[in-house]
C-alpha atoms as a PDB file:
ATOM      1  CA  MET A   1      -7.467 -24.436   4.572  1.00  0.00           C
ATOM      2  CA  ASP A   2      -4.540 -25.565   6.697  1.00  0.00           C
ATOM      3  CA  PHE A   3      -3.679 -23.140   9.516  1.00  0.00           C
ATOM      4  CA  LYS A   4      -0.652 -25.036  10.753  1.00  0.00           C
ATOM      5  CA  VAL A   5       2.367 -22.752  11.318  1.00  0.00           C
ATOM      6  CA  PRO A   6       4.938 -23.630   8.601  1.00  0.00           C
ATOM      7  CA  ASP A   7       8.376 -24.951   9.494  1.00  0.00           C
ATOM      8  CA  ARG A   8       9.890 -22.986   6.630  1.00  0.00           C
ATOM      9  CA  LEU A   9       8.618 -19.847   4.914  1.00  0.00           C
ATOM     10  CA  THR A  10      10.037 -18.128   1.825  1.00  0.00           C
ATOM     11  CA  CYS A  11      10.242 -14.342   2.021  1.00  0.00           C
ATOM     12  CA  PRO A  12       7.677 -12.959  -0.465  1.00  0.00           C
ATOM     13  CA  ALA A  13       9.912  -9.934  -1.097  1.00  0.00           C
ATOM     14  CA  CYS A  14      13.585 -10.894  -1.353  1.00  0.00           C
ATOM     15  CA  GLY A  15      12.967 -14.634  -1.883  1.00  0.00           C
ATOM     16  CA  SER A  16      15.130 -15.805   1.025  1.00  0.00           C
ATOM     17  CA  VAL A  17      14.225 -19.323   2.142  1.00  0.00           C
ATOM     18  CA  GLU A  18      16.030 -19.612   5.462  1.00  0.00           C
ATOM     19  CA  ALA A  19      15.635 -16.083   6.880  1.00  0.00           C
ATOM     20  CA  MET A  20      11.933 -15.991   7.894  1.00  0.00           C
ATOM     21  CA  ALA A  21      11.187 -16.529  11.592  1.00  0.00           C
ATOM     22  CA  CYS A  22       8.232 -15.870  13.887  1.00  0.00           C
ATOM     23  CA  ALA A  23       8.600 -12.385  15.399  1.00  0.00           C
ATOM     24  CA  PHE A  24       5.410 -11.964  17.459  1.00  0.00           C
ATOM     25  CA  PRO A  25       1.690 -12.749  17.709  1.00  0.00           C
ATOM     26  CA  ILE A  26      -0.315  -9.947  16.096  1.00  0.00           C
ATOM     27  CA  ARG A  27      -2.671  -8.044  18.387  1.00  0.00           C
ATOM     28  CA  SER A  28      -5.370  -6.306  16.356  1.00  0.00           C
ATOM     29  CA  ALA A  29      -8.810  -5.204  17.533  1.00  0.00           C
ATOM     30  CA  THR A  30     -10.224  -6.093  14.110  1.00  0.00           C
ATOM     31  CA  THR A  31      -9.569  -9.781  14.865  1.00  0.00           C
ATOM     32  CA  ASP A  32     -10.005  -9.614  18.631  1.00  0.00           C
ATOM     33  CA  GLY A  33      -6.269 -10.048  19.029  1.00  0.00           C
ATOM     34  CA  LYS A  34      -6.286 -13.612  17.739  1.00  0.00           C
ATOM     35  CA  GLY A  35      -5.615 -15.726  14.687  1.00  0.00           C
ATOM     36  CA  ALA A  36      -2.321 -14.470  13.261  1.00  0.00           C
ATOM     37  CA  LEU A  37       1.451 -14.432  13.725  1.00  0.00           C
ATOM     38  CA  MET A  38       4.043 -12.119  12.186  1.00  0.00           C
ATOM     39  CA  PHE A  39       7.057 -13.702  10.514  1.00  0.00           C
ATOM     40  CA  ASP A  40       9.967 -11.350   9.746  1.00  0.00           C
ATOM     41  CA  CYS A  41      12.764 -11.784   7.216  1.00  0.00           C
ATOM     42  CA  ALA A  42      16.241 -11.394   8.697  1.00  0.00           C
ATOM     43  CA  ASP A  43      17.633 -10.454   5.266  1.00  0.00           C
ATOM     44  CA  CYS A  44      15.302  -7.647   4.126  1.00  0.00           C
ATOM     45  CA  GLY A  45      13.075  -6.972   7.160  1.00  0.00           C
ATOM     46  CA  THR A  46       9.818  -7.710   5.325  1.00  0.00           C
ATOM     47  CA  GLY A  47       7.018  -9.207   7.404  1.00  0.00           C
ATOM     48  CA  ARG A  48       4.461 -11.850   6.469  1.00  0.00           C
ATOM     49  CA  THR A  49       1.156 -12.597   8.168  1.00  0.00           C
ATOM     50  CA  VAL A  50       0.711 -16.288   8.983  1.00  0.00           C
ATOM     51  CA  TYR A  51      -2.794 -17.383   9.976  1.00  0.00           C
ATOM     52  CA  THR A  52      -3.456 -19.694  12.898  1.00  0.00           C
ATOM     53  CA  GLU A  53      -7.217 -19.597  12.353  1.00  0.00           C
ATOM     54  CA  ASP A  54      -9.712 -18.449   9.715  1.00  0.00           C
ATOM     55  CA  LEU A  55     -10.001 -14.633   9.608  1.00  0.00           C
ATOM     56  CA  SER A  56     -11.782 -14.388   6.263  1.00  0.00           C
ATOM     57  CA  GLY A  57     -15.027 -13.242   7.875  1.00  0.00           C
ATOM     58  CA  CYS A  58     -13.326 -10.058   9.074  1.00  0.00           C
ATOM     59  CA  TYR A  59     -12.808  -8.740   5.505  1.00  0.00           C
ATOM     60  CA  GLU A  60     -16.219  -7.312   4.711  1.00  0.00           C
ATOM     61  CA  GLU A  61     -17.853  -5.243   1.978  1.00  0.00           C
ATOM     62  CA  ASP A  62     -17.592  -2.093   4.137  1.00  0.00           C
ATOM     63  CA  TYR A  63     -13.829  -1.921   3.421  1.00  0.00           C
ATOM     64  CA  TYR A  64     -13.012   1.794   3.183  1.00  0.00           C
ATOM     65  CA  SER A  65     -12.082   1.900  -0.530  1.00  0.00           C
ATOM     66  CA  TYR A  66     -15.472   0.402  -1.379  1.00  0.00           C
ATOM     67  CA  SER A  67     -17.253   3.526  -0.117  1.00  0.00           C
ATOM     68  CA  PRO A  68     -18.058   6.272  -2.644  1.00  0.00           C
ATOM     69  CA  GLU A  69     -18.481   8.651   0.295  1.00  0.00           C
ATOM     70  CA  GLY A  70     -14.698   8.507   0.748  1.00  0.00           C
ATOM     71  CA  TYR A  71     -14.350  11.444  -1.669  1.00  0.00           C
ATOM     72  CA  SER A  72     -16.976  14.184  -1.818  1.00  0.00           C
ATOM     73  CA  SER A  73     -17.483  16.064  -5.092  1.00  0.00           C
ATOM     74  CA  ARG A  74     -15.747  19.077  -3.578  1.00  0.00           C
ATOM     75  CA  ARG A  75     -12.784  16.989  -2.454  1.00  0.00           C
ATOM     76  CA  LYS A  76     -12.466  15.405  -5.895  1.00  0.00           C
ATOM     77  CA  PHE A  77     -12.508  18.854  -7.498  1.00  0.00           C
ATOM     78  CA  LEU A  78      -9.818  20.170  -5.150  1.00  0.00           C
ATOM     79  CA  LYS A  79      -7.651  17.078  -5.630  1.00  0.00           C
ATOM     80  CA  GLY A  80      -8.042  17.354  -9.389  1.00  0.00           C
ATOM     81  CA  LEU A  81      -6.978  21.001  -9.260  1.00  0.00           C
ATOM     82  CA  MET A  82      -4.021  20.148  -7.065  1.00  0.00           C
ATOM     83  CA  TYR A  83      -2.828  17.316  -9.321  1.00  0.00           C
ATOM     84  CA  LYS A  84      -3.274  19.498 -12.409  1.00  0.00           C
ATOM     85  CA  TYR A  85      -0.697  21.984 -11.149  1.00  0.00           C
ATOM     86  CA  LEU A  86       1.717  19.453  -9.635  1.00  0.00           C
ATOM     87  CA  LYS A  87       3.623  19.519 -12.919  1.00  0.00           C
ATOM     88  CA  PHE A  88       5.000  22.899 -11.918  1.00  0.00           C
ATOM     89  CA  LEU A  89       6.606  21.419  -8.781  1.00  0.00           C
ATOM     90  CA  PRO A  90       9.642  19.128  -8.568  1.00  0.00           C
ATOM     91  CA  ARG A  91       8.455  15.557  -7.998  1.00  0.00           C
ATOM     92  CA  SER A  92      10.747  15.363  -4.975  1.00  0.00           C
ATOM     93  CA  ILE A  93       8.500  17.961  -3.313  1.00  0.00           C
ATOM     94  CA  SER A  94       5.110  16.617  -4.412  1.00  0.00           C
ATOM     95  CA  HIS A  95       6.026  13.112  -3.269  1.00  0.00           C
ATOM     96  CA  ARG A  96       6.683  14.419   0.228  1.00  0.00           C
ATOM     97  CA  TRP A  97       2.974  15.204   0.623  1.00  0.00           C
ATOM     98  CA  LEU A  98       1.248  12.750  -1.738  1.00  0.00           C
ATOM     99  CA  THR A  99       1.591   8.987  -2.002  1.00  0.00           C
ATOM    100  CA  VAL A 100       0.549   8.711  -5.665  1.00  0.00           C
ATOM    101  CA  VAL A 101       1.645  11.374  -8.156  1.00  0.00           C
ATOM    102  CA  PRO A 102       0.765  11.127 -11.872  1.00  0.00           C
ATOM    103  CA  PRO A 103       3.563  11.163 -14.462  1.00  0.00           C
ATOM    104  CA  GLY A 104       4.058  14.471 -16.229  1.00  0.00           C
ATOM    105  CA  ARG A 105       2.036  13.360 -19.243  1.00  0.00           C
ATOM    106  CA  THR A 106      -1.456  11.898 -19.675  1.00  0.00           C
ATOM    107  CA  GLY A 107      -2.578   8.713 -21.401  1.00  0.00           C
ATOM    108  CA  LYS A 108      -4.094   5.450 -20.213  1.00  0.00           C
ATOM    109  CA  VAL A 109      -3.991   4.670 -16.498  1.00  0.00           C
ATOM    110  CA  LEU A 110      -4.742   1.249 -14.997  1.00  0.00           C
ATOM    111  CA  ASP A 111      -5.673   1.381 -11.313  1.00  0.00           C
ATOM    112  CA  VAL A 112      -5.327  -2.126  -9.862  1.00  0.00           C
ATOM    113  CA  GLY A 113      -7.719  -2.676  -6.950  1.00  0.00           C
ATOM    114  CA  CYS A 114      -9.516   0.565  -7.718  1.00  0.00           C
ATOM    115  CA  GLY A 115     -12.326   0.216  -5.173  1.00  0.00           C
ATOM    116  CA  CYS A 116     -15.287   2.393  -6.129  1.00  0.00           C
ATOM    117  CA  GLY A 117     -13.089   4.599  -8.312  1.00  0.00           C
ATOM    118  CA  ASN A 118     -12.339   7.591  -6.108  1.00  0.00           C
ATOM    119  CA  SER A 119      -8.860   7.939  -7.604  1.00  0.00           C
ATOM    120  CA  LEU A 120     -10.050   7.167 -11.133  1.00  0.00           C
ATOM    121  CA  ASP A 121     -12.526  10.033 -10.831  1.00  0.00           C
ATOM    122  CA  VAL A 122      -9.631  12.388 -10.092  1.00  0.00           C
ATOM    123  CA  TRP A 123      -7.388  11.012 -12.855  1.00  0.00           C
ATOM    124  CA  LYS A 124     -10.219  11.349 -15.376  1.00  0.00           C
ATOM    125  CA  ARG A 125     -10.781  14.950 -14.300  1.00  0.00           C
ATOM    126  CA  ILE A 126      -7.176  15.849 -15.203  1.00  0.00           C
ATOM    127  CA  GLY A 127      -7.213  14.164 -18.592  1.00  0.00           C
ATOM    128  CA  TRP A 128      -6.383  10.479 -18.145  1.00  0.00           C
ATOM    129  CA  GLN A 129      -8.206   7.622 -19.892  1.00  0.00           C
ATOM    130  CA  THR A 130      -9.259   5.527 -16.921  1.00  0.00           C
ATOM    131  CA  PHE A 131      -9.157   1.750 -16.561  1.00  0.00           C
ATOM    132  CA  GLY A 132      -9.209  -0.458 -13.495  1.00  0.00           C
ATOM    133  CA  THR A 133      -9.726  -3.857 -11.961  1.00  0.00           C
ATOM    134  CA  GLU A 134     -11.597  -4.872  -8.822  1.00  0.00           C
ATOM    135  CA  ILE A 135     -12.339  -8.167  -7.104  1.00  0.00           C
ATOM    136  CA  SER A 136     -15.650  -7.025  -5.599  1.00  0.00           C
ATOM    137  CA  GLU A 137     -18.687  -6.539  -7.811  1.00  0.00           C
ATOM    138  CA  ALA A 138     -20.437  -3.662  -5.993  1.00  0.00           C
ATOM    139  CA  PRO A 139     -17.611  -1.088  -6.208  1.00  0.00           C
ATOM    140  CA  ALA A 140     -16.810  -2.179  -9.775  1.00  0.00           C
ATOM    141  CA  LYS A 141     -20.376  -1.325 -10.810  1.00  0.00           C
ATOM    142  CA  ILE A 142     -19.990   2.148  -9.292  1.00  0.00           C
ATOM    143  CA  CYS A 143     -16.856   2.687 -11.381  1.00  0.00           C
ATOM    144  CA  VAL A 144     -18.574   1.628 -14.591  1.00  0.00           C
ATOM    145  CA  ALA A 145     -21.535   3.894 -13.825  1.00  0.00           C
ATOM    146  CA  ASN A 146     -19.082   6.795 -13.485  1.00  0.00           C
ATOM    147  CA  GLY A 147     -17.597   6.203 -16.920  1.00  0.00           C
ATOM    148  CA  HIS A 148     -14.509   4.109 -16.146  1.00  0.00           C
ATOM    149  CA  ASP A 149     -13.578   0.886 -17.915  1.00  0.00           C
ATOM    150  CA  VAL A 150     -13.340  -1.334 -14.832  1.00  0.00           C
ATOM    151  CA  ARG A 151     -13.387  -5.122 -14.958  1.00  0.00           C
ATOM    152  CA  LEU A 152     -13.961  -7.722 -12.282  1.00  0.00           C
ATOM    153  CA  SER A 153     -10.748  -9.734 -12.203  1.00  0.00           C
ATOM    154  CA  PHE A 154      -7.906 -11.064 -10.048  1.00  0.00           C
ATOM    155  CA  LYS A 155      -5.586 -10.818 -13.093  1.00  0.00           C
ATOM    156  CA  PRO A 156      -5.389  -7.242 -14.406  1.00  0.00           C
ATOM    157  CA  ALA A 157      -3.161  -7.813 -17.443  1.00  0.00           C
ATOM    158  CA  GLU A 158      -5.327 -10.745 -18.486  1.00  0.00           C
ATOM    159  CA  ALA A 159      -8.489  -8.664 -18.103  1.00  0.00           C
ATOM    160  CA  PHE A 160      -7.022  -6.118 -20.551  1.00  0.00           C
ATOM    161  CA  ALA A 161      -5.122  -8.605 -22.715  1.00  0.00           C
ATOM    162  CA  GLY A 162      -3.165  -6.949 -25.507  1.00  0.00           C
ATOM    163  CA  SER A 163      -3.373  -3.482 -23.939  1.00  0.00           C
ATOM    164  CA  THR A 164      -0.537  -1.376 -22.564  1.00  0.00           C
ATOM    165  CA  PHE A 165      -0.744   1.580 -20.208  1.00  0.00           C
ATOM    166  CA  GLU A 166       1.296   4.712 -19.686  1.00  0.00           C
ATOM    167  CA  TRP A 167       0.674   4.505 -15.958  1.00  0.00           C
ATOM    168  CA  ILE A 168      -0.197   1.594 -13.640  1.00  0.00           C
ATOM    169  CA  THR A 169      -1.083   2.256 -10.000  1.00  0.00           C
ATOM    170  CA  LEU A 170      -1.257  -0.070  -6.993  1.00  0.00           C
ATOM    171  CA  ASP A 171      -2.324   2.246  -4.181  1.00  0.00           C
ATOM    172  CA  ASN A 172      -2.330   0.254  -0.925  1.00  0.00           C
ATOM    173  CA  VAL A 173      -3.014  -2.943  -2.859  1.00  0.00           C
ATOM    174  CA  LEU A 174       0.180  -5.016  -3.010  1.00  0.00           C
ATOM    175  CA  GLU A 175       0.122  -5.805   0.720  1.00  0.00           C
ATOM    176  CA  HIS A 176      -3.239  -7.575   0.223  1.00  0.00           C
ATOM    177  CA  VAL A 177      -2.000  -9.980  -2.471  1.00  0.00           C
ATOM    178  CA  GLU A 178      -1.122 -13.616  -1.787  1.00  0.00           C
ATOM    179  CA  ASP A 179       1.747 -13.598  -4.291  1.00  0.00           C
ATOM    180  CA  PRO A 180       2.896  -9.991  -4.911  1.00  0.00           C
ATOM    181  CA  GLY A 181       5.706 -11.081  -7.219  1.00  0.00           C
ATOM    182  CA  GLU A 182       3.314 -12.893  -9.515  1.00  0.00           C
ATOM    183  CA  LEU A 183       1.122  -9.780  -9.775  1.00  0.00           C
ATOM    184  CA  LEU A 184       4.037  -7.457 -10.582  1.00  0.00           C
ATOM    185  CA  ALA A 185       5.389  -9.876 -13.192  1.00  0.00           C
ATOM    186  CA  GLU A 186       1.966 -10.006 -14.813  1.00  0.00           C
ATOM    187  CA  LEU A 187       1.600  -6.220 -14.846  1.00  0.00           C
ATOM    188  CA  LYS A 188       5.013  -5.884 -16.428  1.00  0.00           C
ATOM    189  CA  THR A 189       3.507  -7.342 -19.626  1.00  0.00           C
ATOM    190  CA  ALA A 190       1.137  -4.346 -19.800  1.00  0.00           C
ATOM    191  CA  MET A 191       4.009  -1.833 -19.738  1.00  0.00           C
ATOM    192  CA  THR A 192       6.117  -0.224 -22.450  1.00  0.00           C
ATOM    193  CA  GLU A 193       9.539   1.424 -22.191  1.00  0.00           C
ATOM    194  CA  ASP A 194       7.775   4.702 -21.369  1.00  0.00           C
ATOM    195  CA  SER A 195       5.369   3.296 -18.754  1.00  0.00           C
ATOM    196  CA  VAL A 196       5.534   4.027 -15.034  1.00  0.00           C
ATOM    197  CA  MET A 197       4.225   1.766 -12.266  1.00  0.00           C
ATOM    198  CA  THR A 198       3.452   3.466  -8.944  1.00  0.00           C
ATOM    199  CA  ILE A 199       3.296   1.233  -5.859  1.00  0.00           C
ATOM    200  CA  CYS A 200       2.256   2.597  -2.465  1.00  0.00           C
ATOM    201  CA  VAL A 201       2.231   0.418   0.671  1.00  0.00           C
ATOM    202  CA  PRO A 202       2.318   0.886   4.453  1.00  0.00           C
ATOM    203  CA  ASN A 203       5.961   1.199   5.461  1.00  0.00           C
ATOM    204  CA  TYR A 204       6.952  -1.707   7.731  1.00  0.00           C
ATOM    205  CA  GLY A 205      10.439  -0.236   7.988  1.00  0.00           C
ATOM    206  CA  GLY A 206       9.264   3.063   9.472  1.00  0.00           C
ATOM    207  CA  THR A 207       9.322   4.298  13.044  1.00  0.00           C
ATOM    208  CA  PRO A 208       5.528   3.910  13.559  1.00  0.00           C
ATOM    209  CA  SER A 209       5.834   0.168  12.852  1.00  0.00           C
ATOM    210  CA  ARG A 210       8.789  -0.159  15.213  1.00  0.00           C
ATOM    211  CA  VAL A 211       7.119   1.891  17.979  1.00  0.00           C
ATOM    212  CA  PHE A 212       3.858  -0.062  17.966  1.00  0.00           C
ATOM    213  CA  GLY A 213       5.215  -3.475  16.949  1.00  0.00           C
ATOM    214  CA  ARG A 214       2.524  -6.130  17.231  1.00  0.00           C
ATOM    215  CA  TYR A 215      -0.038  -3.378  17.880  1.00  0.00           C
ATOM    216  CA  TRP A 216       0.653  -1.284  14.748  1.00  0.00           C
ATOM    217  CA  ASP A 217      -2.700  -0.390  13.149  1.00  0.00           C
ATOM    218  CA  ALA A 218      -1.460  -0.914   9.560  1.00  0.00           C
ATOM    219  CA  ILE A 219      -0.754  -4.619  10.144  1.00  0.00           C
ATOM    220  CA  LEU A 220      -4.484  -5.405   9.708  1.00  0.00           C
ATOM    221  CA  PRO A 221      -4.008  -9.199   9.770  1.00  0.00           C
ATOM    222  CA  GLU A 222      -7.335 -10.023   8.155  1.00  0.00           C
ATOM    223  CA  GLN A 223      -6.419  -7.905   5.109  1.00  0.00           C
ATOM    224  CA  HIS A 224      -2.660  -7.327   4.856  1.00  0.00           C
ATOM    225  CA  LEU A 225      -0.491 -10.335   4.074  1.00  0.00           C
ATOM    226  CA  THR A 226       2.913  -8.831   3.278  1.00  0.00           C
ATOM    227  CA  HIS A 227       4.501  -5.953   5.190  1.00  0.00           C
ATOM    228  CA  PHE A 228       7.187  -4.301   3.079  1.00  0.00           C
ATOM    229  CA  THR A 229      10.378  -2.518   4.014  1.00  0.00           C
ATOM    230  CA  ARG A 230      12.271  -0.451   1.463  1.00  0.00           C
ATOM    231  CA  LYS A 231      14.915  -3.141   1.058  1.00  0.00           C
ATOM    232  CA  GLY A 232      12.265  -5.810   0.600  1.00  0.00           C
ATOM    233  CA  LEU A 233      10.060  -3.986  -1.908  1.00  0.00           C
ATOM    234  CA  GLU A 234      13.007  -2.795  -3.978  1.00  0.00           C
ATOM    235  CA  ALA A 235      14.314  -6.381  -4.016  1.00  0.00           C
ATOM    236  CA  LEU A 236      10.931  -7.693  -5.176  1.00  0.00           C
ATOM    237  CA  ILE A 237      10.714  -5.107  -7.947  1.00  0.00           C
ATOM    238  CA  GLY A 238      14.174  -6.102  -9.165  1.00  0.00           C
ATOM    239  CA  ARG A 239      13.346  -9.817  -9.036  1.00  0.00           C
ATOM    240  CA  CYS A 240      10.344  -9.124 -11.295  1.00  0.00           C
ATOM    241  CA  GLY A 241      12.532  -7.514 -13.945  1.00  0.00           C
ATOM    242  CA  LEU A 242      11.564  -3.930 -13.156  1.00  0.00           C
ATOM    243  CA  ARG A 243      13.791  -0.969 -12.302  1.00  0.00           C
ATOM    244  CA  VAL A 244      13.314   1.329  -9.310  1.00  0.00           C
ATOM    245  CA  LYS A 245      13.047   4.879 -10.612  1.00  0.00           C
ATOM    246  CA  ALA A 246      12.340   6.654  -7.308  1.00  0.00           C
ATOM    247  CA  THR A 247      11.468   5.825  -3.701  1.00  0.00           C
ATOM    248  CA  SER A 248       9.736   8.258  -1.359  1.00  0.00           C
ATOM    249  CA  PHE A 249       8.160   8.260   2.095  1.00  0.00           C
ATOM    250  CA  GLN A 250       5.146  10.079   3.506  1.00  0.00           C
ATOM    251  CA  PRO A 251       4.169  10.584   7.159  1.00  0.00           C
ATOM    252  CA  ARG A 252       0.701  10.200   8.621  1.00  0.00           C
ATOM    253  CA  PHE A 253      -0.520  12.788  11.080  1.00  0.00           C
ATOM    254  CA  HIS A 254      -2.711  10.480  13.171  1.00  0.00           C
ATOM    255  CA  LEU A 255      -1.353   7.289  14.750  1.00  0.00           C
ATOM    256  CA  PRO A 256      -4.149   5.224  16.372  1.00  0.00           C
ATOM    257  CA  THR A 257      -3.371   3.616  19.721  1.00  0.00           C
ATOM    258  CA  ASP A 258      -6.512   1.457  19.941  1.00  0.00           C
ATOM    259  CA  ASN A 259      -4.680  -1.879  19.664  1.00  0.00           C
ATOM    260  CA  VAL A 260      -2.017  -1.190  22.285  1.00  0.00           C
ATOM    261  CA  ALA A 261      -4.640   0.374  24.591  1.00  0.00           C
ATOM    262  CA  ARG A 262      -6.783  -2.764  24.378  1.00  0.00           C
ATOM    263  CA  PHE A 263      -4.179  -5.513  24.401  1.00  0.00           C
ATOM    264  CA  GLY A 264      -1.036  -3.940  25.842  1.00  0.00           C
ATOM    265  CA  GLN A 265       0.087  -3.111  29.355  1.00  0.00           C
ATOM    266  CA  PRO A 266      -0.346   0.468  30.643  1.00  0.00           C
ATOM    267  CA  ALA A 267       3.419   0.992  30.446  1.00  0.00           C
ATOM    268  CA  GLU A 268       3.434  -0.135  26.791  1.00  0.00           C
ATOM    269  CA  LEU A 269       0.686   2.343  25.943  1.00  0.00           C
ATOM    270  CA  GLU A 270       2.464   5.194  27.698  1.00  0.00           C
ATOM    271  CA  THR A 271       5.762   4.426  25.960  1.00  0.00           C
ATOM    272  CA  ALA A 272       4.121   4.042  22.535  1.00  0.00           C
ATOM    273  CA  GLN A 273       2.260   7.348  22.878  1.00  0.00           C
ATOM    274  CA  ALA A 274       5.407   9.208  23.894  1.00  0.00           C
ATOM    275  CA  LEU A 275       7.544   7.745  21.107  1.00  0.00           C
ATOM    276  CA  ALA A 276       4.809   8.283  18.506  1.00  0.00           C
ATOM    277  CA  GLN A 277       4.481  11.935  19.479  1.00  0.00           C
ATOM    278  CA  LYS A 278       8.249  12.388  19.241  1.00  0.00           C
ATOM    279  CA  TRP A 279       8.328  10.749  15.808  1.00  0.00           C
ATOM    280  CA  LYS A 280       5.416  12.871  14.584  1.00  0.00           C
ATOM    281  CA  LYS A 281       7.089  16.142  15.562  1.00  0.00           C
ATOM    282  CA  SER A 282      10.346  15.103  13.919  1.00  0.00           C
ATOM    283  CA  ALA A 283       8.714  13.894  10.687  1.00  0.00           C
ATOM    284  CA  VAL A 284       6.470  16.952  10.358  1.00  0.00           C
ATOM    285  CA  ALA A 285       9.416  19.261  10.973  1.00  0.00           C
ATOM    286  CA  ARG A 286      11.360  17.653   8.124  1.00  0.00           C
ATOM    287  CA  LEU A 287       8.283  17.724   5.907  1.00  0.00           C
ATOM    288  CA  VAL A 288       7.704  21.435   6.443  1.00  0.00           C
ATOM    289  CA  THR A 289      11.315  22.616   6.379  1.00  0.00           C
ATOM    290  CA  GLY A 290      12.356  20.596   3.346  1.00  0.00           C
ATOM    291  CA  GLY A 291      14.567  18.094   5.127  1.00  0.00           C
ATOM    292  CA  ARG A 292      15.076  14.712   3.485  1.00  0.00           C
ATOM    293  CA  MET A 293      12.299  12.244   4.322  1.00  0.00           C
ATOM    294  CA  THR A 294      13.845   8.913   5.289  1.00  0.00           C
ATOM    295  CA  GLU A 295      12.403   5.430   5.653  1.00  0.00           C
ATOM    296  CA  ALA A 296      12.156   6.047   9.401  1.00  0.00           C
ATOM    297  CA  ASP A 297       9.885   9.060   8.731  1.00  0.00           C
ATOM    298  CA  GLY A 298       7.401   7.242   6.536  1.00  0.00           C
ATOM    299  CA  TYR A 299       4.098   5.719   7.527  1.00  0.00           C
ATOM    300  CA  PHE A 300       3.671   5.085   3.796  1.00  0.00           C
ATOM    301  CA  MET A 301       6.243   4.215   1.150  1.00  0.00           C
ATOM    302  CA  THR A 302       5.898   4.880  -2.575  1.00  0.00           C
ATOM    303  CA  ILE A 303       8.072   3.411  -5.315  1.00  0.00           C
ATOM    304  CA  GLU A 304       7.919   4.328  -8.992  1.00  0.00           C
ATOM    305  CA  ALA A 305       9.169   1.540 -11.253  1.00  0.00           C
ATOM    306  CA  THR A 306       9.893   1.264 -14.960  1.00  0.00           C
ATOM    307  CA  LEU A 307      11.100  -1.403 -17.370  1.00  0.00           C
END
């Protein structure tokens, strides 16, 4: 693999050829602060990880979604109960607290990058027929053992050729993909006019990303390739022939400072902690009082798309 920094880089979101430029070297404890640069798009704000050395060894089988301990039986039961009664709440409210909310009906759900099936377990509990794809064999076997039709594949629509789904989910998956546009275009073939695709990603356009910059914990250079803003992800969805139905943002109540504490200056850490605390109070206040959640408020961003 060639780790030479490219002279020209096409934005993976909006497709701009001339707008990508190196913004900063990424400083992540998971890679010892080395091996990657962030390129930002001047047109849509999307970021792209560019490798300067091989980081593949940092992406191990202990990745969090590969752990069945991530959801206890009690937690799955409570989440199932919660999702069952979400239909009685306006989606504008439920999406303020939850990144992935099922459509109001049941049917076949395809969870792309399903890990060991923690979400599929919940969807099955509330009446969905559960399907998924994984690229790692161990978690896929756990899914199959738990009664889900999960296949080992990098190409979900091809793995279920000829099938369509009422609901397709990519929960913190799209940022891992080399060519996110190619994946969305492929998944489009598994949709009907009534299908919904739910995409959740870390929000590169939010205040946490801007406060921490090169030290933001969600950059994860060994795992996350594309860092989406609202403008960028909505542009990508449109370029793939899909329509944005709704966009929502969700805060996170814990913002790790490990990276800036290890690699930053004391003044940077102090500033980041103060700004993060200010953002957290503001976002939580809007969440609780019913104020509109903006892109600045969101640690995560969720978009529902249709044909």
